[in-house]
Structure formats: C-alpha cells, structure tokens
Amino acid sequence: MEREAVKQAIEQGQTALGIEFGSTTIKAVLVTQDFQVVASGSYVWENELDHHIWTYPLAKVWEGVQTSYAKLAAEVKEQYGLALTKIGSIGISAMMHGYLAFDKEDNLLVPFRTWRNNITGEAAAKLTDLFGFNIPERWSIAHLYQAILNQEDHVKDLAFITTLDGYVTWQLTGEKTTGIGDASGMFPIDEATHDYDARMLDQFAALPEVAQFDWQITALLPKVLLAGETAGHLTAAGAKLLDPSGQLEPGALFAPSEGDASTGMVATNAVRKRTGNVSIGTSAFSMVVLDQALNQVHRDIDVVTTPDGAPVAMVHTNNCSSDINAWANVFDQFARLIGVDLKPNELYEKLFDASLRGEQDAGGLVNFAYLSGENITRVQEGRPMLVRKPDSNFSLANLFKVQLYSAFAPLKIGMDILLREEHIRTDSLVAQGGLFKTPVVAQQVLADALDTPITVMSNAGQGGPWGMAVLALYAADHRGKNLADYLDQEVFVNSESATLAPEPASVKGYEQFIDNYKQAMPAEQKAGETMKLD
C-alpha cells in the first residue's frame, strides 16, 4: 500500500490493532486491511518471583499496554503526520493459561498466577483422572482446584476467573469473554458444541470440596467465542485506559481475545487440519491440528483448539531461549570489555555461526536451560546448569551448539510422544520466533531435533501481535470465508518462505545429545528439588 493510501486508511480507521502480552515484551502493531504493519510499539517487562509464585503486577500490565500504544501512536504521528484517533478493530493476545481471580466487586483476590508456575501438581493429576482428559498444571482450572485443595481463603469470594488477555479485553470492553483457543487452556472444550465440556463441568461441580461453595463453575468462566465473532466494542473508559492522552475515540470492534498459541497458529498459517507450527521464545510450544483423536491420554500432550475450534495437540515447554540470551549477554559484556561494540543481531549471528563448527553431539556437553520448573522432564524448580565430563570438548563452538540444542530439548522429548507413539503426521511444520531472525542456524537445529522439515516464513519475527491483528481484521470482515480459507486466500497468498530438511548426520548427533541429556537429568532434577530449601 502506498504512503498516501496508508495515511487515508489511518484517517478513516480502516486498520486493526493487535496487542500481545509476551513473556518479556508487550508489543502493539497497527495493521492495514492488506495485512501490512504500518506502526508498532513495545514495552519490556519481566515476571517476578514472589514467595515462589511467578507473577506480573497488574499495574505493569497497564503501564506496558499504555507505553506500547503511545509509542505506536507516536510512530504514526512521525511517519504520517496524523494523530491516531480511530481504529477499526482491536484484538488482545497474551501468554496462555494462568489464574486471575476476582470477587463480585471486581477486586483482584490474589496476585496473577502465570503459566510459569509448577504449583498445581496435585490438582492437575486428580482432574486428569476425573475427566479422563489431560489437565496441565498451567491451566486455570488446575489453579482453581489447587486453591480449593489448599483451602485458600479467597476461594469463597470468587465471582470470575480469567486469563491475562481475557482480563485486558474485559477492562477495555466491559465484556467477560475470551476466544476458544484461549478458553481451551482454561477448561476442556467440546469440539461439537464449541463450548466448555458440559460433562466435565458437571463432574467438577459434583466434587464435594467444590460443591460447598455458593458459586457455580459455569458462572466463573468467561464466555467462549469463535474467531470472526464480536467480543464487544471499545468503551469510553476503555479508550481512556488504552490511551490516557484522550485522542483515541471509543467504538472499535473487538475480536475474541486469544492466547499466544492461537496467534502463533494464525501467524504461521497453521489452522487447517494436518498443519502445525512451532513458536519459540521464553517458552516454546508446538501445535499440530489433529485430523484424528489421540489414542490415549498423555500427561505431556495438551489438547487445545485453533481460534475456530478445531482440536490441536500441543507440546508446551516452560523454558526455551532465556538461557541463550543469558549466555549471549555474557559474551556481549566481554566484547565491550575489549572495546568491541556489537549490535544484538551481529552478536547472535557470530555466536550462532560459531555453533556451526561444533561437533554433532556438541562435544559431550549438556546444558539445562531451566530458568523455571519444567513439566516435560519433571523438574520442580528452575536451575540453569551446564554440565560436562572430563573428556568433553569444551569449546566456544560446542558451548553455543549445546545452547541451541538444549533450548529445543524439552520440546523434542514431548514431540517424540506425538510422532513415535501416536504416529501423528503433519503436512507442514512452520516455525516462528526471535531465534529465527538469525537466518538458517536455529531453523536447521530445530529440523534436526524434530527430524522434520521446518519452514520459516518471511514474517517469522512478526509473530503473535500481527497474528492477533489479523484476527481483528477477520472479526471486522471475514469476507465470507472460514478462517483457514481466509488465511490461505487473503493473508498468505503471496507469502515467502524457506524450508530446511533434517540432515541425517545432525539428526544422529542430536539423538546422541538427547541420550546424554537424559543420562544427566537426575542431577538437574535433584538441583531443582534442593532449590526449595534455599
């Protein structure tokens, strides 16, 4: 779209705003109706460990969203000479799962409990047995049930529970809703009804420890919406909350809010059955849209949905790229110490290139990139750890190869269940995330780790905020198409991509690394247990 056409679109509100609350960054993007990003803004934040609970203060939520929006609006002013006053549609996305609990006066009862917590093991196991359906520790219902089992005082005062994106959408629209993909990380979804599973709701409500409360579980959960439906409109109070300067007018249509897994599926065009995607960041997850039911319940496989309600097998890991970033920061400090100033992309490119000279098994090095506990490998608490034998080849090349290897290790262990036990296959597996901004290297490692061809699209770095903006455009005008056709025929019709196949020698080397990784795992698990004594 030419500059004058973009300017006219902004003036007329023919745009969509996508905002995503990621683990380390809140990002807002403004997108025109031809799906092009014309402005963006961001805010860096970190979760906080408060009495062994990972949380984000809600004050930071609003500081972050207002800062991101203000930067975006300033970019619109700078680039196009316009004050941003009208937006056609808006969508909010965030890290999936977690627990935000409110009373009938809309007061937050306990600090936000995020996906990163491993504190609901008892509840998750009991609910899995009750439902005959895997309930991960991260899910909202597991947090609620664990609070009941813990006899927490706040439970009696509950009136509403939601996720982060559901909360923000509620505050901006006044409507207590969420998209079906996000809802599927709160409570199991019935594919036939596109709503919470009625049988399981009844089973939960019938538990004696639940039945003692005055509230009903059905009243606590947000309303479930499908992609393309309307989740409300920006209220006057919501406009002031999003843009305290007062320039933004109310009235923008809201798409159903979604979790980052759903926006990742949209951003990689992976909502059709037998497609799949991998999203890489602070955490990682792989999604495979199922064309057949799983044969059995797997504690390491979540069943969630696409934004239009199709079942998805999801492997979620709590840890991925954070340890790479930590090690890169050490090398950046050393570079500055010797008078070398590298831009971040230059630093990562050099370190990733060094990894190419490493041995196929990373020289026998093993790294556990666990800044938090990890369900897949049964590690209770975060304890990053690099281990090696006396005869391991400890070189820079192997050090950074093992960083890349270890980032994908829990994901590989989970995916092996789908590929080897359930024999699930995909027609395509598309990867996205910041690691893929550095060309080829991480993409090839992931292909070797999963022994599956990996495609990276030209928009690999855009990710969730852009995917959420696409869903906002779809809600405003779906052009008479279902979501899969809309993505194929409207959004990705001219997309560019590159696919890398696994290399047999590297696949064998990665398998050797995984063998070493599993052999060293007891040391990591023990370290995670002792942290509770610190």
Protein backbone atom coordinates (compact mmCIF):
# COMPACT_ATOMS: atom_id res chain seq x y z
CA MET A 1 0.00 0.00 0.00
CA GLU A 2 1.36 3.40 -0.99
CA ARG A 3 2.06 6.01 1.67
CA GLU A 4 -0.95 8.18 0.80
CA ALA A 5 -3.23 5.14 0.83
CA VAL A 6 -1.88 4.16 4.26
CA LYS A 7 -2.47 7.69 5.50
CA GLN A 8 -6.05 7.62 4.24
CA ALA A 9 -6.64 4.22 5.87
CA ILE A 10 -5.39 5.53 9.21
CA GLU A 11 -7.57 8.64 8.96
CA GLN A 12 -10.66 6.58 8.19
CA GLY A 13 -9.97 3.93 10.84
CA GLN A 14 -9.52 1.17 8.26
CA THR A 15 -6.96 -0.51 10.47
CA ALA A 16 -6.59 -3.18 13.12
CA LEU A 17 -4.61 -3.03 16.35
CA GLY A 18 -3.04 -6.21 17.66
CA ILE A 19 -1.56 -6.23 21.16
CA GLU A 20 0.23 -9.23 22.63
CA PHE A 21 1.47 -9.65 26.19
CA GLY A 22 4.52 -11.86 25.75
CA SER A 23 6.73 -13.22 28.49
CA THR A 24 9.32 -10.46 28.14
CA THR A 25 7.74 -7.93 25.79
CA ILE A 26 4.37 -6.30 25.33
CA LYS A 27 4.02 -5.34 21.68
CA ALA A 28 1.39 -3.42 19.75
CA VAL A 29 1.13 -3.33 15.96
CA LEU A 30 -1.16 -1.31 13.70
CA VAL A 31 -2.09 -3.17 10.52
CA THR A 32 -3.91 -2.01 7.39
CA GLN A 33 -6.55 -4.06 5.63
CA ASP A 34 -3.90 -5.55 3.33
CA PHE A 35 -2.23 -7.02 6.45
CA GLN A 36 0.80 -4.71 6.39
CA VAL A 37 2.28 -3.37 9.65
CA VAL A 38 2.42 0.43 9.49
CA ALA A 39 3.39 1.22 13.09
CA SER A 40 4.42 -0.57 16.26
CA GLY A 41 5.36 0.00 19.86
CA SER A 42 6.70 -2.18 22.66
CA TYR A 43 7.43 -2.39 26.36
CA VAL A 44 9.91 -4.70 28.06
CA TRP A 45 8.87 -6.42 31.26
CA GLU A 46 9.78 -9.47 33.32
CA ASN A 47 7.76 -11.78 35.51
CA GLU A 48 8.56 -11.61 39.21
CA LEU A 49 9.05 -14.46 41.65
CA ASP A 50 7.01 -13.54 44.72
CA HIS A 51 7.00 -16.14 47.51
CA HIS A 52 7.73 -18.88 44.94
CA ILE A 53 4.88 -17.64 42.70
CA TRP A 54 5.64 -16.28 39.23
CA THR A 55 3.52 -13.17 38.67
CA TYR A 56 3.15 -9.86 36.83
CA PRO A 57 1.65 -6.96 38.80
CA LEU A 58 -1.47 -5.61 37.09
CA ALA A 59 -0.05 -2.09 37.36
CA LYS A 60 2.71 -3.24 35.00
CA VAL A 61 0.08 -4.63 32.63
CA TRP A 62 -1.40 -1.16 32.16
CA GLU A 63 1.91 0.65 32.20
CA GLY A 64 3.05 -1.74 29.47
CA VAL A 65 -0.02 -1.50 27.25
CA GLN A 66 -0.17 2.29 27.54
CA THR A 67 3.54 2.64 26.78
CA SER A 68 3.31 0.31 23.78
CA TYR A 69 0.28 2.13 22.42
CA ALA A 70 1.87 5.57 23.00
CA LYS A 71 4.98 4.53 21.07
CA LEU A 72 2.82 3.20 18.25
CA ALA A 73 0.78 6.42 18.13
CA ALA A 74 3.98 8.48 18.16
CA GLU A 75 5.25 6.48 15.18
CA VAL A 76 2.02 7.16 13.31
CA LYS A 77 2.46 10.87 14.04
CA GLU A 78 6.09 10.85 12.94
CA GLN A 79 5.60 8.79 9.77
CA TYR A 80 2.25 10.13 8.57
CA GLY A 81 1.71 13.40 10.41
CA LEU A 82 -1.52 12.10 11.92
CA ALA A 83 -2.93 11.81 15.40
CA LEU A 84 -4.27 8.28 15.88
CA THR A 85 -7.93 8.79 16.74
CA LYS A 86 -9.77 5.92 15.03
CA ILE A 87 -9.10 2.18 14.91
CA GLY A 88 -11.38 -0.22 13.08
CA SER A 89 -10.87 -3.34 15.19
CA ILE A 90 -8.70 -4.47 18.10
CA GLY A 91 -7.51 -7.82 19.40
CA ILE A 92 -5.72 -8.68 22.63
CA SER A 93 -3.46 -11.70 22.97
CA ALA A 94 -1.31 -12.93 25.84
CA MET A 95 0.58 -15.84 27.29
CA MET A 96 -1.92 -18.66 27.69
CA HIS A 97 -3.15 -20.16 30.95
CA GLY A 98 -2.75 -18.83 34.46
CA TYR A 99 -5.20 -17.60 37.06
CA LEU A 100 -6.69 -14.15 37.57
CA ALA A 101 -9.38 -14.32 40.25
CA PHE A 102 -11.89 -11.57 41.06
CA ASP A 103 -14.71 -11.05 43.54
CA LYS A 104 -18.16 -9.65 42.79
CA GLU A 105 -16.82 -6.08 43.16
CA ASP A 106 -14.17 -6.90 40.52
CA ASN A 107 -11.33 -6.78 43.04
CA LEU A 108 -8.31 -8.99 42.33
CA LEU A 109 -8.25 -11.59 45.10
CA VAL A 110 -4.70 -12.93 44.75
CA PRO A 111 -1.74 -11.89 42.58
CA PHE A 112 -1.87 -13.13 38.99
CA ARG A 113 -0.55 -16.70 38.83
CA THR A 114 1.12 -17.20 35.46
CA TRP A 115 1.71 -20.18 33.19
CA ARG A 116 5.24 -20.45 34.57
CA ASN A 117 4.20 -21.82 37.95
CA ASN A 118 4.55 -25.52 38.79
CA ILE A 119 2.40 -25.41 41.92
CA THR A 120 -0.73 -27.33 40.93
CA GLY A 121 0.57 -30.85 40.53
CA GLU A 122 -1.91 -32.47 42.91
CA ALA A 123 -4.91 -30.73 41.33
CA ALA A 124 -3.81 -31.39 37.77
CA ALA A 125 -3.32 -35.10 38.44
CA LYS A 126 -6.67 -35.51 40.20
CA LEU A 127 -8.59 -33.66 37.49
CA THR A 128 -6.86 -35.68 34.76
CA ASP A 129 -8.03 -38.87 36.45
CA LEU A 130 -11.53 -37.48 36.99
CA PHE A 131 -12.05 -36.26 33.42
CA GLY A 132 -10.03 -38.87 31.54
CA PHE A 133 -8.51 -35.86 29.82
CA ASN A 134 -5.09 -34.29 30.38
CA ILE A 135 -5.19 -31.21 32.61
CA PRO A 136 -1.76 -29.50 32.65
CA GLU A 137 -0.54 -27.66 35.72
CA ARG A 138 -0.70 -24.34 33.86
CA TRP A 139 -4.45 -24.47 33.16
CA SER A 140 -6.80 -22.14 35.00
CA ILE A 141 -8.95 -24.98 36.30
CA ALA A 142 -5.90 -26.62 37.84
CA HIS A 143 -5.03 -23.37 39.62
CA LEU A 144 -8.60 -23.04 40.87
CA TYR A 145 -8.80 -26.61 42.11
CA GLN A 146 -5.38 -26.41 43.78
CA ALA A 147 -6.52 -23.28 45.62
CA ILE A 148 -9.56 -25.26 46.81
CA LEU A 149 -7.38 -28.19 47.92
CA ASN A 150 -5.08 -25.73 49.69
CA GLN A 151 -8.15 -24.29 51.46
CA GLU A 152 -7.19 -20.80 50.38
CA ASP A 153 -9.43 -18.18 51.92
CA HIS A 154 -10.05 -16.25 48.70
CA VAL A 155 -11.93 -19.11 47.00
CA LYS A 156 -15.19 -18.42 48.87
CA ASP A 157 -15.27 -14.89 47.41
CA LEU A 158 -14.82 -15.86 43.76
CA ALA A 159 -17.09 -14.33 41.13
CA PHE A 160 -14.95 -14.53 37.96
CA ILE A 161 -11.71 -16.12 36.79
CA THR A 162 -9.93 -15.31 33.56
CA THR A 163 -6.62 -15.17 31.74
CA LEU A 164 -4.45 -12.14 31.02
CA ASP A 165 -5.87 -11.45 27.55
CA GLY A 166 -9.40 -12.05 28.82
CA TYR A 167 -8.77 -9.57 31.64
CA VAL A 168 -7.46 -6.81 29.38
CA THR A 169 -10.32 -7.29 26.90
CA TRP A 170 -12.81 -7.16 29.77
CA GLN A 171 -11.36 -3.88 31.03
CA LEU A 172 -11.46 -2.31 27.55
CA THR A 173 -14.92 -3.55 26.53
CA GLY A 174 -16.78 -4.37 29.73
CA GLU A 175 -17.43 -7.89 28.35
CA LYS A 176 -16.28 -11.09 30.08
CA THR A 177 -15.33 -13.18 27.07
CA THR A 178 -12.39 -14.99 25.55
CA GLY A 179 -11.58 -16.77 22.31
CA ILE A 180 -12.00 -20.53 22.13
CA GLY A 181 -8.28 -21.18 21.78
CA ASP A 182 -7.57 -19.27 24.97
CA ALA A 183 -10.60 -20.84 26.68
CA SER A 184 -9.22 -24.29 25.84
CA GLY A 185 -6.32 -23.52 28.18
CA MET A 186 -8.74 -22.74 30.98
CA PHE A 187 -11.08 -25.76 30.82
CA PRO A 188 -11.54 -28.59 28.29
CA ILE A 189 -13.59 -27.74 25.19
CA ASP A 190 -16.21 -29.90 23.48
CA GLU A 191 -15.46 -29.83 19.75
CA ALA A 192 -19.12 -30.42 18.87
CA THR A 193 -20.55 -27.53 20.92
CA HIS A 194 -17.58 -25.14 20.76
CA ASP A 195 -18.03 -24.52 24.47
CA TYR A 196 -16.68 -25.85 27.76
CA ASP A 197 -17.27 -29.60 28.04
CA ALA A 198 -20.60 -29.97 29.85
CA ARG A 199 -19.86 -33.45 31.24
CA MET A 200 -16.61 -32.30 32.79
CA LEU A 201 -18.20 -29.15 34.19
CA ASP A 202 -20.78 -31.37 35.96
CA GLN A 203 -18.04 -33.69 37.23
CA PHE A 204 -16.09 -30.77 38.65
CA ALA A 205 -19.17 -29.20 40.24
CA ALA A 206 -20.07 -32.51 41.90
CA LEU A 207 -16.78 -32.81 43.78
CA PRO A 208 -17.61 -32.45 47.49
CA GLU A 209 -14.84 -29.91 48.07
CA VAL A 210 -16.25 -27.81 45.20
CA ALA A 211 -19.95 -28.22 45.99
CA GLN A 212 -19.53 -26.50 49.38
CA PHE A 213 -19.15 -23.08 47.69
CA ASP A 214 -22.02 -20.79 46.71
CA TRP A 215 -20.64 -20.10 43.22
CA GLN A 216 -21.09 -22.29 40.14
CA ILE A 217 -18.12 -23.10 37.92
CA THR A 218 -20.15 -22.17 34.82
CA ALA A 219 -20.61 -18.65 36.19
CA LEU A 220 -16.92 -18.19 36.97
CA LEU A 221 -15.62 -18.79 33.44
CA PRO A 222 -15.64 -16.24 30.59
CA LYS A 223 -17.97 -16.70 27.62
CA VAL A 224 -16.39 -18.66 24.75
CA LEU A 225 -16.26 -17.04 21.30
CA LEU A 226 -15.06 -18.25 17.90
CA ALA A 227 -12.79 -16.37 15.52
CA GLY A 228 -14.87 -13.97 13.46
CA GLU A 229 -17.36 -13.25 16.24
CA THR A 230 -17.56 -9.92 18.06
CA ALA A 231 -16.24 -9.67 21.60
CA GLY A 232 -17.58 -6.18 22.23
CA HIS A 233 -16.53 -2.64 21.44
CA LEU A 234 -14.04 -0.21 22.95
CA THR A 235 -15.84 1.76 25.63
CA ALA A 236 -15.11 5.38 26.51
CA ALA A 237 -13.45 4.20 29.73
CA GLY A 238 -11.51 1.59 27.77
CA ALA A 239 -10.29 4.18 25.26
CA LYS A 240 -9.04 6.33 28.12
CA LEU A 241 -7.35 3.32 29.70
CA LEU A 242 -5.60 2.39 26.45
CA ASP A 243 -4.75 5.99 25.50
CA PRO A 244 -4.62 8.30 28.54
CA SER A 245 -3.94 11.25 26.20
CA GLY A 246 -7.62 11.09 25.27
CA GLN A 247 -7.10 11.19 21.50
CA LEU A 248 -8.42 7.68 20.78
CA GLU A 249 -12.15 7.52 20.14
CA PRO A 250 -14.28 4.67 21.55
CA GLY A 251 -16.22 2.26 19.36
CA ALA A 252 -13.57 -0.03 17.84
CA LEU A 253 -14.81 -3.59 17.35
CA PHE A 254 -13.05 -6.24 19.45
CA ALA A 255 -12.09 -9.67 18.21
CA PRO A 256 -12.26 -12.55 20.69
CA SER A 257 -9.06 -12.38 22.72
CA GLU A 258 -6.64 -15.24 22.23
CA GLY A 259 -3.65 -16.94 23.75
CA ASP A 260 -0.24 -16.74 22.16
CA ALA A 261 -0.60 -20.31 20.89
CA SER A 262 -3.58 -19.29 18.77
CA THR A 263 -1.95 -16.15 17.40
CA GLY A 264 1.11 -18.24 16.59
CA MET A 265 -1.09 -20.59 14.55
CA VAL A 266 -2.56 -17.64 12.66
CA ALA A 267 0.83 -16.01 12.08
CA THR A 268 2.16 -19.23 10.55
CA ASN A 269 -0.99 -20.14 8.61
CA ALA A 270 -1.41 -23.34 10.62
CA VAL A 271 -5.11 -23.65 11.47
CA ARG A 272 -6.08 -26.25 8.86
CA LYS A 273 -6.06 -29.92 9.85
CA ARG A 274 -2.67 -31.66 9.42
CA THR A 275 -0.79 -28.39 9.64
CA GLY A 276 1.40 -27.45 12.55
CA ASN A 277 3.66 -24.77 13.94
CA VAL A 278 6.37 -24.22 16.48
CA SER A 279 6.64 -20.98 18.47
CA ILE A 280 9.96 -20.26 20.11
CA GLY A 281 10.55 -17.69 22.83
CA THR A 282 10.97 -17.64 26.62
CA SER A 283 8.78 -20.73 26.49
CA ALA A 284 8.16 -22.93 23.47
CA PHE A 285 5.25 -24.86 22.10
CA SER A 286 4.45 -26.96 19.09
CA MET A 287 0.93 -27.24 17.73
CA VAL A 288 -0.42 -29.93 15.43
CA VAL A 289 -4.02 -29.57 14.21
CA LEU A 290 -5.47 -33.06 14.56
CA ASP A 291 -7.40 -34.98 11.93
CA GLN A 292 -7.86 -37.90 14.33
CA ALA A 293 -8.32 -38.27 18.08
CA LEU A 294 -5.34 -39.26 20.22
CA ASN A 295 -5.34 -42.92 21.23
CA GLN A 296 -4.71 -42.23 24.90
CA VAL A 297 -4.25 -39.51 27.49
CA HIS A 298 -0.69 -38.21 27.66
CA ARG A 299 0.37 -36.03 30.57
CA ASP A 300 2.82 -34.19 28.31
CA ILE A 301 0.36 -33.51 25.48
CA ASP A 302 -2.26 -30.77 25.88
CA VAL A 303 -5.37 -30.81 23.72
CA VAL A 304 -6.40 -27.25 22.94
CA THR A 305 -8.05 -25.67 19.89
CA THR A 306 -7.46 -23.41 16.93
CA PRO A 307 -9.18 -19.98 17.06
CA ASP A 308 -12.08 -21.54 15.13
CA GLY A 309 -12.41 -24.56 17.41
CA ALA A 310 -10.52 -27.47 15.76
CA PRO A 311 -8.65 -29.78 18.20
CA VAL A 312 -4.91 -29.28 18.48
CA ALA A 313 -2.24 -31.42 20.12
CA MET A 314 0.09 -29.08 21.95
CA VAL A 315 3.50 -29.73 23.46
CA HIS A 316 4.36 -26.85 25.80
CA THR A 317 7.69 -26.28 27.50
CA ASN A 318 8.26 -23.66 30.17
CA ASN A 319 11.80 -22.93 29.03
CA CYS A 320 13.47 -22.22 25.73
CA SER A 321 15.56 -19.21 24.71
CA SER A 322 16.18 -17.42 28.03
CA ASP A 323 19.46 -19.23 28.71
CA ILE A 324 20.72 -18.44 25.19
CA ASN A 325 20.06 -14.79 25.92
CA ALA A 326 21.85 -15.01 29.26
CA TRP A 327 24.97 -16.54 27.70
CA ALA A 328 24.88 -14.06 24.82
CA ASN A 329 24.78 -11.25 27.37
CA VAL A 330 27.97 -12.59 28.99
CA PHE A 331 29.75 -12.56 25.63
CA ASP A 332 28.40 -9.07 24.95
CA GLN A 333 29.92 -7.89 28.24
CA PHE A 334 33.25 -9.45 27.25
CA ALA A 335 33.12 -7.82 23.82
CA ARG A 336 32.53 -4.42 25.41
CA LEU A 337 35.35 -5.07 27.87
CA ILE A 338 37.79 -5.38 24.98
CA GLY A 339 36.32 -2.40 23.16
CA VAL A 340 34.08 -4.16 20.65
CA ASP A 341 30.54 -2.84 20.34
CA LEU A 342 28.23 -5.30 18.58
CA LYS A 343 24.60 -4.76 17.75
CA PRO A 344 22.38 -7.56 19.13
CA ASN A 345 21.79 -9.14 15.71
CA GLU A 346 25.54 -9.09 14.99
CA LEU A 347 26.31 -10.72 18.35
CA TYR A 348 23.79 -13.53 17.85
CA GLU A 349 24.90 -14.08 14.27
CA LYS A 350 28.53 -14.53 15.31
CA LEU A 351 27.68 -16.87 18.19
CA PHE A 352 25.27 -18.91 16.08
CA ASP A 353 27.85 -19.10 13.29
CA ALA A 354 30.39 -20.37 15.82
CA SER A 355 28.00 -23.19 16.71
CA LEU A 356 28.24 -24.47 13.14
CA ARG A 357 31.83 -25.51 13.87
CA GLY A 358 30.74 -27.58 16.85
CA GLU A 359 30.66 -31.37 16.92
CA GLN A 360 27.43 -33.12 16.01
CA ASP A 361 26.80 -34.15 19.64
CA ALA A 362 28.02 -30.79 20.98
CA GLY A 363 31.25 -32.41 22.17
CA GLY A 364 29.52 -34.24 25.00
CA LEU A 365 28.36 -31.03 26.69
CA VAL A 366 24.93 -30.97 28.31
CA ASN A 367 23.02 -27.83 29.20
CA PHE A 368 19.75 -27.49 31.10
CA ALA A 369 18.16 -24.15 30.16
CA TYR A 370 15.68 -24.20 33.04
CA LEU A 371 15.01 -20.76 34.45
CA SER A 372 11.79 -22.21 35.81
CA GLY A 373 10.49 -25.69 36.52
CA GLU A 374 9.77 -27.95 33.55
CA ASN A 375 6.78 -30.28 33.41
CA ILE A 376 8.02 -32.30 30.46
CA THR A 377 11.08 -33.52 32.36
CA ARG A 378 9.61 -33.38 35.89
CA VAL A 379 11.94 -30.66 37.15
CA GLN A 380 10.27 -28.85 40.03
CA GLU A 381 12.16 -25.54 40.17
CA GLY A 382 14.36 -23.51 37.85
CA ARG A 383 18.06 -24.32 37.97
CA PRO A 384 20.06 -23.48 34.80
CA MET A 385 23.02 -25.81 34.68
CA LEU A 386 25.84 -26.62 32.27
CA VAL A 387 27.50 -29.99 32.87
CA ARG A 388 30.32 -31.88 31.16
CA LYS A 389 32.50 -34.89 31.62
CA PRO A 390 36.28 -34.54 31.99
CA ASP A 391 36.74 -35.69 28.40
CA SER A 392 34.05 -33.45 26.90
CA ASN A 393 35.28 -30.96 24.31
CA PHE A 394 34.58 -27.62 25.97
CA SER A 395 34.95 -25.13 23.13
CA LEU A 396 33.11 -21.97 22.10
CA ALA A 397 31.60 -23.81 19.12
CA ASN A 398 30.29 -26.64 21.28
CA LEU A 399 29.16 -24.26 24.01
CA PHE A 400 26.85 -22.43 21.66
CA LYS A 401 25.77 -25.54 19.81
CA VAL A 402 24.64 -27.02 23.14
CA GLN A 403 22.78 -23.79 23.91
CA LEU A 404 20.72 -24.24 20.76
CA TYR A 405 20.38 -27.97 21.36
CA SER A 406 19.18 -27.51 24.94
CA ALA A 407 16.67 -24.80 24.00
CA PHE A 408 14.77 -27.38 21.96
CA ALA A 409 15.39 -30.46 24.16
CA PRO A 410 12.16 -30.50 26.24
CA LEU A 411 10.17 -29.79 23.07
CA LYS A 412 11.85 -32.71 21.30
CA ILE A 413 11.09 -35.05 24.21
CA GLY A 414 7.41 -34.04 24.10
CA MET A 415 7.14 -34.20 20.32
CA ASP A 416 8.55 -37.73 20.30
CA ILE A 417 5.32 -38.82 22.01
CA LEU A 418 3.23 -37.45 19.14
CA LEU A 419 5.49 -38.67 16.37
CA ARG A 420 6.54 -42.07 17.72
CA GLU A 421 3.69 -43.18 19.98
CA GLU A 422 0.64 -41.55 18.38
CA HIS A 423 2.08 -41.58 14.84
CA ILE A 424 0.70 -38.11 14.19
CA ARG A 425 1.97 -36.59 10.97
CA THR A 426 1.73 -33.09 9.56
CA ASP A 427 1.76 -31.77 6.03
CA SER A 428 3.82 -28.81 7.20
CA LEU A 429 5.52 -27.52 10.36
CA VAL A 430 6.16 -23.79 10.39
CA ALA A 431 8.42 -22.12 12.95
CA GLN A 432 8.31 -18.60 14.31
CA GLY A 433 10.09 -16.61 16.99
CA GLY A 434 13.02 -14.32 17.58
CA LEU A 435 15.65 -17.05 17.23
CA PHE A 436 14.75 -17.35 13.55
CA LYS A 437 15.63 -13.73 12.84
CA THR A 438 19.19 -15.05 12.60
CA PRO A 439 18.92 -16.98 9.33
CA VAL A 440 19.23 -20.76 8.94
CA VAL A 441 21.13 -21.84 12.07
CA ALA A 442 18.32 -22.26 14.64
CA GLN A 443 15.98 -23.43 11.89
CA GLN A 444 18.37 -26.25 10.94
CA VAL A 445 18.88 -27.27 14.58
CA LEU A 446 15.11 -27.48 15.08
CA ALA A 447 14.71 -29.58 11.91
CA ASP A 448 17.41 -31.95 13.16
CA ALA A 449 15.96 -32.06 16.67
CA LEU A 450 12.45 -32.97 15.49
CA ASP A 451 13.66 -34.90 12.42
CA THR A 452 11.05 -32.96 10.48
CA PRO A 453 11.32 -30.32 7.71
CA ILE A 454 10.91 -26.85 9.19
CA THR A 455 9.55 -23.87 7.26
CA VAL A 456 10.22 -20.28 8.26
CA MET A 457 8.13 -17.56 6.67
CA SER A 458 9.39 -14.10 5.81
CA ASN A 459 7.30 -12.71 8.68
CA ALA A 460 8.92 -15.06 11.25
CA GLY A 461 9.78 -12.17 13.55
CA GLN A 462 6.31 -10.59 13.49
CA GLY A 463 4.58 -13.34 15.37
CA GLY A 464 1.70 -13.00 17.78
CA PRO A 465 0.82 -9.29 17.72
CA TRP A 466 0.48 -9.42 13.94
CA GLY A 467 -1.48 -12.68 14.17
CA MET A 468 -3.84 -11.03 16.64
CA ALA A 469 -4.27 -8.04 14.30
CA VAL A 470 -5.18 -10.48 11.51
CA LEU A 471 -7.84 -11.98 13.78
CA ALA A 472 -9.12 -8.46 14.46
CA LEU A 473 -9.41 -7.84 10.71
CA TYR A 474 -11.17 -11.19 10.33
CA ALA A 475 -13.67 -10.23 13.03
CA ALA A 476 -14.38 -6.95 11.27
CA ASP A 477 -14.87 -8.58 7.84
CA HIS A 478 -14.32 -12.30 7.27
CA ARG A 479 -15.05 -11.83 3.56
CA GLY A 480 -17.44 -14.78 3.59
CA LYS A 481 -14.69 -17.30 4.32
CA ASN A 482 -13.80 -19.68 7.10
CA LEU A 483 -10.55 -18.91 8.89
CA ALA A 484 -8.38 -21.44 7.04
CA ASP A 485 -9.53 -20.20 3.62
CA TYR A 486 -9.20 -16.58 4.73
CA LEU A 487 -5.57 -17.16 5.68
CA ASP A 488 -4.78 -19.12 2.52
CA GLN A 489 -6.57 -16.88 0.04
CA GLU A 490 -6.28 -13.43 1.61
CA VAL A 491 -3.40 -13.22 4.08
CA PHE A 492 -0.71 -15.60 2.83
CA VAL A 493 -1.48 -15.68 -0.89
CA ASN A 494 1.90 -14.09 -1.77
CA SER A 495 3.93 -15.14 1.26
CA GLU A 496 7.60 -16.07 1.02
CA SER A 497 9.07 -18.97 2.95
CA ALA A 498 12.14 -21.20 3.18
CA THR A 499 12.15 -24.86 4.22
CA LEU A 500 15.09 -26.82 5.61
CA ALA A 501 15.11 -30.60 5.78
CA PRO A 502 16.82 -32.51 8.60
CA GLU A 503 20.38 -33.62 7.90
CA PRO A 504 20.89 -37.31 8.75
CA ALA A 505 24.29 -36.84 10.41
CA SER A 506 22.99 -33.97 12.51
CA VAL A 507 19.85 -35.92 13.46
CA LYS A 508 22.10 -38.72 14.73
CA GLY A 509 24.25 -36.21 16.62
CA TYR A 510 21.22 -34.63 18.24
CA GLU A 511 19.93 -38.04 19.31
CA GLN A 512 23.31 -38.64 21.00
CA PHE A 513 22.97 -35.28 22.74
CA ILE A 514 19.47 -36.24 23.94
CA ASP A 515 20.85 -39.54 25.31
CA ASN A 516 23.47 -37.55 27.24
CA TYR A 517 20.78 -35.09 28.32
CA LYS A 518 18.57 -37.84 29.74
CA GLN A 519 21.52 -39.51 31.50
CA ALA A 520 22.38 -36.21 33.23
CA MET A 521 18.74 -35.42 34.06
CA PRO A 522 18.82 -36.84 37.63
CA ALA A 523 21.38 -34.17 38.57
CA GLU A 524 19.12 -31.43 37.21
CA GLN A 525 16.06 -32.86 38.96
CA LYS A 526 17.95 -33.04 42.25
CA ALA A 527 19.11 -29.44 41.85
CA GLY A 528 15.52 -28.38 41.25
CA GLU A 529 14.39 -30.13 44.42
CA THR A 530 17.10 -28.59 46.62
CA MET A 531 16.15 -25.09 45.50
CA LYS A 532 13.10 -25.32 47.74
CA LEU A 533 15.45 -25.50 50.69
CA ASP A 534 17.26 -22.26 49.76
